[in-house]
Amino acid sequence: MELSKSIPFSLIEQTEQTNNLVIVLPGAGYTTQAPLLRFTTSLFYNKGFDVLHINYSYNRQELSELNEEDFARDVQLVINNAIKNKKYCKYYVVGKTVGTIALSYLLNNTMFKEARVVWLTPLLQKDRVYNAMINSDHKGLCIIGDKDSCFIEDRFVRLKNNPNLILKVVDGGNHS
């Protein structure tokens, strides 16, 4: 199966082999080099994880035409390619905004059966993302600002019904 869009990636490896991998799925215009994801990278790397950055980028036009299933399939194919010769057994997946779309699909892959997840400014308006969060058996953390355009209070309140999710609202926090 071929990629419908070429997606670059970078794998930042520990000096000694590890069984731990964090996959970072950035936002459309919020790259892995932006502050929140740089901090995430540093935190996990310092905890002994290899870090896989999926470096897709989309302009507004491409985003409006994005086929979510193809996008998620392409992300999975990039992951498979990036780690094909590795033996990871502990996974974390961090998704920021559009990355939460791919994350919502990845959770169905048996590879990520035991993965822990971090939802950063998730697209709560997308039913696929919201349903993945509310129904997930994965331990996870969700961080969103109350001034974020993706913050939908009634949906966020219902997320509290999932005992696997730790929810954090940043007072005055916007989408950035």
N, C-alpha and C. Protein backbone atom coordinates (compact mmCIF):
# COMPACT_ATOMS: atom_id res chain seq x y z
N MET A 1 0.84 -1.17 0.00
CA MET A 1 0.00 0.00 0.00
C MET A 1 0.89 1.25 0.00
N GLU A 2 0.59 2.19 -0.86
CA GLU A 2 1.40 3.39 -0.97
C GLU A 2 0.76 4.56 -0.24
N LEU A 3 1.62 5.50 0.13
CA LEU A 3 1.15 6.72 0.76
C LEU A 3 0.42 7.57 -0.26
N SER A 4 -0.68 8.20 0.17
CA SER A 4 -1.36 9.12 -0.74
C SER A 4 -0.68 10.48 -0.70
N LYS A 5 0.03 10.77 0.37
CA LYS A 5 0.81 12.01 0.48
C LYS A 5 2.10 11.65 1.18
N SER A 6 3.22 12.08 0.64
CA SER A 6 4.51 11.79 1.26
C SER A 6 4.62 12.57 2.58
N ILE A 7 4.88 11.85 3.65
CA ILE A 7 4.98 12.47 4.97
C ILE A 7 6.38 12.21 5.52
N PRO A 8 7.15 13.27 5.72
CA PRO A 8 8.47 13.09 6.32
C PRO A 8 8.37 12.77 7.81
N PHE A 9 9.41 12.15 8.33
CA PHE A 9 9.45 11.84 9.75
C PHE A 9 10.88 11.91 10.22
N SER A 10 11.04 11.99 11.53
CA SER A 10 12.38 11.86 12.11
C SER A 10 12.27 11.03 13.37
N LEU A 11 13.22 10.11 13.53
CA LEU A 11 13.27 9.25 14.70
C LEU A 11 14.49 9.66 15.51
N ILE A 12 14.23 10.16 16.71
CA ILE A 12 15.30 10.59 17.61
C ILE A 12 15.52 9.43 18.58
N GLU A 13 16.68 8.80 18.45
CA GLU A 13 16.94 7.59 19.22
C GLU A 13 17.86 7.84 20.40
N GLN A 14 17.63 7.07 21.44
CA GLN A 14 18.51 7.06 22.60
C GLN A 14 19.87 6.51 22.17
N THR A 15 20.92 6.80 22.93
CA THR A 15 22.23 6.25 22.61
C THR A 15 22.25 4.74 22.86
N GLU A 16 21.49 4.28 23.83
CA GLU A 16 21.35 2.84 24.09
C GLU A 16 19.96 2.41 23.67
N GLN A 17 19.85 1.20 23.18
CA GLN A 17 18.56 0.71 22.70
C GLN A 17 17.51 0.75 23.81
N THR A 18 16.29 1.12 23.43
CA THR A 18 15.17 1.19 24.37
C THR A 18 13.96 0.49 23.78
N ASN A 19 13.06 0.08 24.64
CA ASN A 19 11.80 -0.53 24.20
C ASN A 19 10.66 0.48 24.21
N ASN A 20 10.98 1.75 24.50
CA ASN A 20 9.98 2.79 24.69
C ASN A 20 9.98 3.77 23.53
N LEU A 21 8.78 4.07 23.02
CA LEU A 21 8.65 5.02 21.92
C LEU A 21 7.49 5.96 22.18
N VAL A 22 7.72 7.25 21.94
CA VAL A 22 6.63 8.22 21.90
C VAL A 22 6.51 8.71 20.46
N ILE A 23 5.29 8.74 19.99
CA ILE A 23 4.99 9.20 18.64
C ILE A 23 4.33 10.57 18.78
N VAL A 24 4.89 11.56 18.09
CA VAL A 24 4.38 12.92 18.19
C VAL A 24 3.69 13.29 16.88
N LEU A 25 2.39 13.59 16.99
CA LEU A 25 1.56 13.95 15.85
C LEU A 25 1.20 15.43 15.99
N PRO A 26 1.86 16.30 15.25
CA PRO A 26 1.66 17.74 15.43
C PRO A 26 0.33 18.24 14.87
N GLY A 27 0.11 19.54 15.04
CA GLY A 27 -1.05 20.19 14.43
C GLY A 27 -0.72 20.49 12.97
N ALA A 28 -1.69 21.05 12.27
CA ALA A 28 -1.48 21.36 10.85
C ALA A 28 -0.40 22.42 10.68
N GLY A 29 -0.46 23.48 11.46
CA GLY A 29 0.53 24.54 11.38
C GLY A 29 1.38 24.63 12.63
N TYR A 30 1.19 23.68 13.53
CA TYR A 30 1.92 23.66 14.79
C TYR A 30 2.87 22.46 14.73
N THR A 31 4.10 22.73 14.34
CA THR A 31 5.06 21.66 14.07
C THR A 31 5.64 21.07 15.34
N THR A 32 6.43 20.02 15.16
CA THR A 32 7.10 19.39 16.30
C THR A 32 8.18 20.30 16.89
N GLN A 33 8.51 21.39 16.18
CA GLN A 33 9.49 22.36 16.68
C GLN A 33 8.84 23.46 17.52
N ALA A 34 7.53 23.53 17.56
CA ALA A 34 6.82 24.53 18.35
C ALA A 34 6.99 24.20 19.84
N PRO A 35 6.87 25.20 20.71
CA PRO A 35 7.22 25.04 22.13
C PRO A 35 6.59 23.83 22.84
N LEU A 36 5.30 23.63 22.71
CA LEU A 36 4.64 22.55 23.43
C LEU A 36 5.17 21.18 23.02
N LEU A 37 5.42 21.00 21.74
CA LEU A 37 5.90 19.70 21.26
C LEU A 37 7.41 19.54 21.45
N ARG A 38 8.14 20.64 21.46
CA ARG A 38 9.58 20.57 21.83
C ARG A 38 9.72 20.13 23.28
N PHE A 39 8.86 20.69 24.14
CA PHE A 39 8.86 20.31 25.55
C PHE A 39 8.50 18.82 25.69
N THR A 40 7.50 18.39 24.96
CA THR A 40 7.07 16.98 24.98
C THR A 40 8.23 16.07 24.56
N THR A 41 8.90 16.44 23.48
CA THR A 41 10.04 15.68 22.97
C THR A 41 11.12 15.57 24.04
N SER A 42 11.48 16.69 24.62
CA SER A 42 12.52 16.72 25.64
C SER A 42 12.15 15.88 26.86
N LEU A 43 10.91 16.02 27.31
CA LEU A 43 10.44 15.28 28.47
C LEU A 43 10.54 13.77 28.26
N PHE A 44 10.03 13.29 27.13
CA PHE A 44 10.06 11.85 26.87
C PHE A 44 11.47 11.35 26.59
N TYR A 45 12.25 12.12 25.84
CA TYR A 45 13.62 11.70 25.56
C TYR A 45 14.42 11.56 26.86
N ASN A 46 14.24 12.52 27.76
CA ASN A 46 14.94 12.47 29.06
C ASN A 46 14.45 11.34 29.95
N LYS A 47 13.27 10.80 29.65
CA LYS A 47 12.74 9.65 30.40
C LYS A 47 13.12 8.32 29.74
N GLY A 48 13.97 8.37 28.69
CA GLY A 48 14.47 7.15 28.08
C GLY A 48 13.68 6.65 26.87
N PHE A 49 12.84 7.49 26.31
CA PHE A 49 12.06 7.12 25.13
C PHE A 49 12.76 7.55 23.86
N ASP A 50 12.66 6.72 22.81
CA ASP A 50 12.93 7.20 21.47
C ASP A 50 11.72 8.08 21.10
N VAL A 51 11.93 9.05 20.22
CA VAL A 51 10.86 9.98 19.85
C VAL A 51 10.69 9.97 18.34
N LEU A 52 9.49 9.66 17.88
CA LEU A 52 9.18 9.66 16.46
C LEU A 52 8.31 10.87 16.15
N HIS A 53 8.86 11.80 15.36
CA HIS A 53 8.11 12.96 14.89
C HIS A 53 7.53 12.65 13.52
N ILE A 54 6.22 12.77 13.39
CA ILE A 54 5.57 12.64 12.10
C ILE A 54 5.39 14.08 11.60
N ASN A 55 6.14 14.45 10.56
CA ASN A 55 6.26 15.86 10.18
C ASN A 55 5.40 16.27 8.99
N TYR A 56 4.12 15.89 8.99
CA TYR A 56 3.23 16.34 7.93
C TYR A 56 2.98 17.83 8.10
N SER A 57 2.58 18.46 7.03
CA SER A 57 2.14 19.85 7.11
C SER A 57 1.05 20.05 6.08
N TYR A 58 0.08 20.85 6.43
CA TYR A 58 -1.05 21.10 5.54
C TYR A 58 -1.36 22.58 5.52
N ASN A 59 -1.66 23.10 4.33
CA ASN A 59 -2.16 24.46 4.26
C ASN A 59 -3.68 24.42 4.42
N ARG A 60 -4.29 25.58 4.48
CA ARG A 60 -5.75 25.64 4.70
C ARG A 60 -6.53 24.87 3.65
N GLN A 61 -6.13 25.01 2.40
CA GLN A 61 -6.82 24.32 1.31
C GLN A 61 -6.72 22.80 1.48
N GLU A 62 -5.51 22.32 1.74
CA GLU A 62 -5.31 20.87 1.92
C GLU A 62 -6.11 20.36 3.12
N LEU A 63 -6.14 21.15 4.19
CA LEU A 63 -6.90 20.75 5.38
C LEU A 63 -8.38 20.62 5.08
N SER A 64 -8.91 21.56 4.32
CA SER A 64 -10.35 21.53 4.02
C SER A 64 -10.71 20.31 3.17
N GLU A 65 -9.73 19.79 2.43
CA GLU A 65 -9.97 18.63 1.56
C GLU A 65 -9.46 17.32 2.18
N LEU A 66 -9.00 17.39 3.40
CA LEU A 66 -8.38 16.23 4.05
C LEU A 66 -9.36 15.07 4.21
N ASN A 67 -8.99 13.93 3.67
CA ASN A 67 -9.75 12.71 3.90
C ASN A 67 -9.14 12.08 5.16
N GLU A 68 -9.91 12.06 6.23
CA GLU A 68 -9.38 11.64 7.52
C GLU A 68 -8.88 10.21 7.52
N GLU A 69 -9.58 9.32 6.84
CA GLU A 69 -9.15 7.92 6.80
C GLU A 69 -7.84 7.76 6.06
N ASP A 70 -7.69 8.45 4.93
CA ASP A 70 -6.44 8.39 4.18
C ASP A 70 -5.30 8.99 5.00
N PHE A 71 -5.57 10.10 5.65
CA PHE A 71 -4.58 10.75 6.50
C PHE A 71 -4.10 9.78 7.59
N ALA A 72 -5.04 9.17 8.30
CA ALA A 72 -4.69 8.24 9.38
C ALA A 72 -3.94 7.02 8.83
N ARG A 73 -4.36 6.53 7.67
CA ARG A 73 -3.67 5.39 7.05
C ARG A 73 -2.24 5.77 6.70
N ASP A 74 -2.07 6.96 6.13
CA ASP A 74 -0.73 7.43 5.77
C ASP A 74 0.15 7.56 7.01
N VAL A 75 -0.40 8.09 8.09
CA VAL A 75 0.37 8.22 9.34
C VAL A 75 0.78 6.83 9.84
N GLN A 76 -0.14 5.87 9.81
CA GLN A 76 0.19 4.52 10.25
C GLN A 76 1.28 3.91 9.38
N LEU A 77 1.21 4.13 8.06
CA LEU A 77 2.24 3.60 7.16
C LEU A 77 3.61 4.23 7.46
N VAL A 78 3.63 5.52 7.77
CA VAL A 78 4.89 6.19 8.13
C VAL A 78 5.45 5.58 9.41
N ILE A 79 4.58 5.37 10.39
CA ILE A 79 5.02 4.76 11.66
C ILE A 79 5.60 3.37 11.38
N ASN A 80 4.88 2.57 10.62
CA ASN A 80 5.35 1.21 10.30
C ASN A 80 6.72 1.25 9.64
N ASN A 81 6.90 2.17 8.70
CA ASN A 81 8.16 2.29 7.99
C ASN A 81 9.28 2.77 8.93
N ALA A 82 8.97 3.73 9.76
CA ALA A 82 9.98 4.33 10.64
C ALA A 82 10.52 3.34 11.68
N ILE A 83 9.67 2.41 12.11
CA ILE A 83 10.08 1.52 13.21
C ILE A 83 10.12 0.05 12.79
N LYS A 84 10.21 -0.21 11.49
CA LYS A 84 10.12 -1.59 11.00
C LYS A 84 11.20 -2.52 11.55
N ASN A 85 12.35 -2.00 11.90
CA ASN A 85 13.41 -2.85 12.44
C ASN A 85 13.60 -2.67 13.94
N LYS A 86 12.59 -2.14 14.60
CA LYS A 86 12.67 -1.86 16.04
C LYS A 86 11.77 -2.82 16.80
N LYS A 87 12.05 -2.94 18.09
CA LYS A 87 11.25 -3.83 18.95
C LYS A 87 10.71 -3.03 20.14
N TYR A 88 9.80 -2.12 19.85
CA TYR A 88 9.19 -1.33 20.92
C TYR A 88 8.04 -2.11 21.55
N CYS A 89 7.88 -1.95 22.85
CA CYS A 89 6.73 -2.59 23.50
C CYS A 89 5.94 -1.60 24.36
N LYS A 90 6.51 -0.43 24.64
CA LYS A 90 5.80 0.58 25.41
C LYS A 90 5.66 1.82 24.54
N TYR A 91 4.41 2.21 24.29
CA TYR A 91 4.12 3.33 23.42
C TYR A 91 3.34 4.43 24.14
N TYR A 92 3.68 5.66 23.80
CA TYR A 92 2.86 6.82 24.09
C TYR A 92 2.60 7.47 22.74
N VAL A 93 1.42 8.02 22.57
CA VAL A 93 1.10 8.75 21.36
C VAL A 93 0.56 10.12 21.79
N VAL A 94 1.20 11.17 21.27
CA VAL A 94 0.81 12.54 21.60
C VAL A 94 0.27 13.19 20.34
N GLY A 95 -0.98 13.64 20.39
CA GLY A 95 -1.59 14.30 19.24
C GLY A 95 -1.98 15.72 19.58
N LYS A 96 -1.63 16.64 18.69
CA LYS A 96 -1.99 18.06 18.83
C LYS A 96 -2.93 18.42 17.69
N THR A 97 -4.11 18.86 18.00
CA THR A 97 -5.11 19.35 17.05
C THR A 97 -5.37 18.34 15.93
N VAL A 98 -4.92 18.61 14.68
CA VAL A 98 -5.18 17.68 13.58
C VAL A 98 -4.54 16.32 13.86
N GLY A 99 -3.50 16.31 14.66
CA GLY A 99 -2.89 15.05 15.07
C GLY A 99 -3.84 14.17 15.87
N THR A 100 -4.84 14.80 16.52
CA THR A 100 -5.80 14.00 17.28
C THR A 100 -6.73 13.21 16.36
N ILE A 101 -6.84 13.64 15.10
CA ILE A 101 -7.61 12.85 14.13
C ILE A 101 -6.89 11.53 13.89
N ALA A 102 -5.61 11.61 13.56
CA ALA A 102 -4.83 10.39 13.34
C ALA A 102 -4.81 9.54 14.60
N LEU A 103 -4.64 10.18 15.74
CA LEU A 103 -4.61 9.46 17.02
C LEU A 103 -5.90 8.66 17.23
N SER A 104 -7.03 9.24 16.90
CA SER A 104 -8.31 8.54 17.10
C SER A 104 -8.39 7.26 16.28
N TYR A 105 -7.73 7.21 15.14
CA TYR A 105 -7.69 6.01 14.31
C TYR A 105 -6.62 5.02 14.82
N LEU A 106 -5.47 5.54 15.22
CA LEU A 106 -4.37 4.67 15.64
C LEU A 106 -4.76 3.80 16.83
N LEU A 107 -5.64 4.29 17.67
CA LEU A 107 -6.01 3.53 18.87
C LEU A 107 -6.66 2.20 18.54
N ASN A 108 -7.14 2.03 17.31
CA ASN A 108 -7.74 0.76 16.90
C ASN A 108 -6.71 -0.27 16.47
N ASN A 109 -5.47 0.15 16.32
CA ASN A 109 -4.41 -0.76 15.89
C ASN A 109 -3.92 -1.57 17.08
N THR A 110 -3.81 -2.87 16.92
CA THR A 110 -3.37 -3.73 18.03
C THR A 110 -1.98 -3.36 18.52
N MET A 111 -1.17 -2.75 17.65
CA MET A 111 0.16 -2.30 18.05
C MET A 111 0.06 -1.34 19.25
N PHE A 112 -1.02 -0.57 19.30
CA PHE A 112 -1.19 0.45 20.34
C PHE A 112 -2.21 0.05 21.40
N LYS A 113 -2.43 -1.25 21.54
CA LYS A 113 -3.42 -1.75 22.49
C LYS A 113 -3.17 -1.25 23.91
N GLU A 114 -1.91 -1.18 24.31
CA GLU A 114 -1.55 -0.75 25.66
C GLU A 114 -0.99 0.67 25.70
N ALA A 115 -1.05 1.37 24.59
CA ALA A 115 -0.47 2.72 24.52
C ALA A 115 -1.18 3.68 25.46
N ARG A 116 -0.40 4.64 25.93
CA ARG A 116 -0.97 5.76 26.68
C ARG A 116 -0.99 6.94 25.73
N VAL A 117 -1.97 7.81 25.93
CA VAL A 117 -2.17 8.88 24.96
C VAL A 117 -2.26 10.25 25.61
N VAL A 118 -1.87 11.25 24.83
CA VAL A 118 -1.99 12.64 25.26
C VAL A 118 -2.71 13.40 24.15
N TRP A 119 -3.84 13.98 24.52
CA TRP A 119 -4.66 14.76 23.60
C TRP A 119 -4.40 16.24 23.89
N LEU A 120 -3.68 16.93 23.02
CA LEU A 120 -3.41 18.36 23.21
C LEU A 120 -4.32 19.16 22.28
N THR A 121 -5.14 20.02 22.83
CA THR A 121 -6.13 20.80 22.09
C THR A 121 -6.86 19.92 21.07
N PRO A 122 -7.50 18.84 21.56
CA PRO A 122 -8.17 17.92 20.64
C PRO A 122 -9.33 18.59 19.90
N LEU A 123 -9.60 18.07 18.73
CA LEU A 123 -10.69 18.58 17.90
C LEU A 123 -12.01 17.97 18.38
N LEU A 124 -12.52 18.51 19.49
CA LEU A 124 -13.74 17.97 20.10
C LEU A 124 -14.96 18.10 19.19
N GLN A 125 -14.91 18.99 18.20
CA GLN A 125 -16.02 19.15 17.28
C GLN A 125 -16.10 18.00 16.29
N LYS A 126 -15.03 17.24 16.15
CA LYS A 126 -15.01 16.08 15.26
C LYS A 126 -15.54 14.87 16.02
N ASP A 127 -16.64 14.30 15.54
CA ASP A 127 -17.24 13.16 16.23
C ASP A 127 -16.26 12.01 16.40
N ARG A 128 -15.44 11.77 15.40
CA ARG A 128 -14.47 10.66 15.46
C ARG A 128 -13.51 10.84 16.64
N VAL A 129 -12.99 12.06 16.81
CA VAL A 129 -12.06 12.35 17.91
C VAL A 129 -12.79 12.27 19.24
N TYR A 130 -13.92 12.92 19.34
CA TYR A 130 -14.70 12.93 20.58
C TYR A 130 -15.08 11.51 21.00
N ASN A 131 -15.60 10.70 20.06
CA ASN A 131 -16.01 9.33 20.39
C ASN A 131 -14.82 8.47 20.79
N ALA A 132 -13.68 8.67 20.13
CA ALA A 132 -12.47 7.92 20.51
C ALA A 132 -12.08 8.26 21.94
N MET A 133 -12.20 9.52 22.31
CA MET A 133 -11.83 9.94 23.66
C MET A 133 -12.80 9.41 24.70
N ILE A 134 -14.08 9.51 24.41
CA ILE A 134 -15.09 9.14 25.40
C ILE A 134 -15.16 7.62 25.59
N ASN A 135 -14.82 6.86 24.54
CA ASN A 135 -14.93 5.40 24.61
C ASN A 135 -13.60 4.67 24.80
N SER A 136 -12.52 5.40 24.91
CA SER A 136 -11.19 4.78 24.96
C SER A 136 -10.92 4.06 26.28
N ASP A 137 -10.30 2.90 26.14
CA ASP A 137 -9.80 2.17 27.31
C ASP A 137 -8.36 2.56 27.62
N HIS A 138 -7.78 3.39 26.78
CA HIS A 138 -6.38 3.81 26.96
C HIS A 138 -6.28 4.85 28.07
N LYS A 139 -5.26 4.70 28.90
CA LYS A 139 -4.97 5.74 29.88
C LYS A 139 -4.53 6.97 29.10
N GLY A 140 -5.03 8.13 29.50
CA GLY A 140 -4.69 9.31 28.74
C GLY A 140 -4.84 10.61 29.51
N LEU A 141 -4.29 11.64 28.90
CA LEU A 141 -4.33 13.00 29.42
C LEU A 141 -4.87 13.89 28.31
N CYS A 142 -5.78 14.77 28.67
CA CYS A 142 -6.32 15.74 27.72
C CYS A 142 -6.08 17.13 28.29
N ILE A 143 -5.46 17.99 27.47
CA ILE A 143 -5.21 19.38 27.87
C ILE A 143 -5.80 20.29 26.80
N ILE A 144 -6.65 21.22 27.25
CA ILE A 144 -7.28 22.17 26.32
C ILE A 144 -7.58 23.45 27.09
N GLY A 145 -7.55 24.56 26.39
CA GLY A 145 -7.87 25.84 27.00
C GLY A 145 -9.35 26.16 26.90
N ASP A 146 -9.86 26.88 27.88
CA ASP A 146 -11.29 27.22 27.85
C ASP A 146 -11.61 28.31 26.82
N LYS A 147 -10.59 28.92 26.23
CA LYS A 147 -10.80 29.91 25.17
C LYS A 147 -10.41 29.33 23.80
N ASP A 148 -10.15 28.04 23.75
CA ASP A 148 -9.82 27.35 22.51
C ASP A 148 -11.09 27.20 21.68
N SER A 149 -10.99 27.48 20.38
CA SER A 149 -12.15 27.32 19.50
C SER A 149 -12.62 25.86 19.43
N CYS A 150 -11.77 24.93 19.81
CA CYS A 150 -12.13 23.50 19.81
C CYS A 150 -12.75 23.06 21.14
N PHE A 151 -12.76 23.95 22.12
CA PHE A 151 -13.34 23.61 23.43
C PHE A 151 -14.86 23.70 23.33
N ILE A 152 -15.51 22.57 23.53
CA ILE A 152 -16.96 22.49 23.52
C ILE A 152 -17.35 21.98 24.91
N GLU A 153 -17.85 22.90 25.72
CA GLU A 153 -18.03 22.61 27.14
C GLU A 153 -18.85 21.36 27.42
N ASP A 154 -19.99 21.19 26.75
CA ASP A 154 -20.81 20.01 27.06
C ASP A 154 -20.11 18.71 26.68
N ARG A 155 -19.36 18.72 25.59
CA ARG A 155 -18.60 17.52 25.23
C ARG A 155 -17.47 17.28 26.22
N PHE A 156 -16.80 18.35 26.62
CA PHE A 156 -15.71 18.22 27.58
C PHE A 156 -16.23 17.66 28.90
N VAL A 157 -17.37 18.16 29.37
CA VAL A 157 -17.96 17.69 30.62
C VAL A 157 -18.26 16.19 30.53
N ARG A 158 -18.76 15.74 29.38
CA ARG A 158 -19.06 14.31 29.21
C ARG A 158 -17.81 13.44 29.19
N LEU A 159 -16.66 14.03 28.82
CA LEU A 159 -15.41 13.27 28.86
C LEU A 159 -15.05 12.84 30.28
N LYS A 160 -15.58 13.55 31.25
CA LYS A 160 -15.31 13.20 32.65
C LYS A 160 -15.86 11.82 33.01
N ASN A 161 -16.77 11.30 32.18
CA ASN A 161 -17.32 9.96 32.41
C ASN A 161 -16.32 8.85 32.08
N ASN A 162 -15.24 9.18 31.38
CA ASN A 162 -14.22 8.19 31.06
C ASN A 162 -13.17 8.21 32.17
N PRO A 163 -13.15 7.17 33.03
CA PRO A 163 -12.22 7.16 34.15
C PRO A 163 -10.75 7.01 33.74
N ASN A 164 -10.51 6.69 32.47
CA ASN A 164 -9.13 6.54 31.98
C ASN A 164 -8.49 7.87 31.59
N LEU A 165 -9.31 8.92 31.50
CA LEU A 165 -8.80 10.22 31.06
C LEU A 165 -8.59 11.17 32.23
N ILE A 166 -7.44 11.80 32.25
CA ILE A 166 -7.18 12.91 33.15
C ILE A 166 -7.39 14.17 32.32
N LEU A 167 -8.26 15.04 32.78
CA LEU A 167 -8.63 16.23 32.03
C LEU A 167 -8.07 17.49 32.68
N LYS A 168 -7.47 18.35 31.87
CA LYS A 168 -6.93 19.62 32.37
C LYS A 168 -7.43 20.74 31.46
N VAL A 169 -8.06 21.74 32.06
CA VAL A 169 -8.49 22.92 31.33
C VAL A 169 -7.58 24.07 31.74
N VAL A 170 -7.01 24.73 30.75
CA VAL A 170 -6.15 25.89 30.99
C VAL A 170 -7.03 27.14 30.96
N ASP A 171 -7.20 27.78 32.11
CA ASP A 171 -8.01 28.99 32.18
C ASP A 171 -7.42 30.06 31.27
N GLY A 172 -8.24 30.58 30.37
CA GLY A 172 -7.78 31.61 29.45
C GLY A 172 -6.95 31.08 28.29
N GLY A 173 -6.72 29.77 28.26
CA GLY A 173 -5.89 29.17 27.21
C GLY A 173 -6.60 29.15 25.88
N ASN A 174 -5.91 29.59 24.83
CA ASN A 174 -6.49 29.55 23.50
C ASN A 174 -5.94 28.35 22.73
N HIS A 175 -6.15 28.32 21.44
CA HIS A 175 -5.75 27.15 20.65
C HIS A 175 -4.24 26.98 20.54
N SER A 176 -3.50 28.05 20.66
CA SER A 176 -2.04 27.97 20.55
C SER A 176 -1.43 27.45 21.83
